[in-house]
Amino acid sequence: MLPHSRHEVVERGQRLYQSSIRPRVEPAHAGEFVVLDVESGEYEVDAHKLAALNRLMARQPGAVPYIVRAGQPAAVTLGAAGVAGLR
């Protein structure tokens, strides 16, 4: 495993997802988490990101993971915009 900056992981993860993984997982797994290894291109899909991450790490020890949500612009949403009473 080579050390990667966060920027490199994101860039490689997005490129791998868009070019080879997205056509395989969308739309059948829309809304599920895709955890991919930016070095090998191996990936796991699950409704629970930790389950997908654990399976990938078991298969690819030392993987450099990137997480995306199939069919979504981001894996998670940050902030309180969806919490009632907080605006």
Foldseek 3Di string as FASTA:
>chain_A
DDDDDPVRLVVLVVVLCVPPNLVVCPPVQAQWKWKAFSVPSDIATDNDPVVRVVVVCVVPPPGDIDMAGHPDPGNDDDDCPPPPPDD
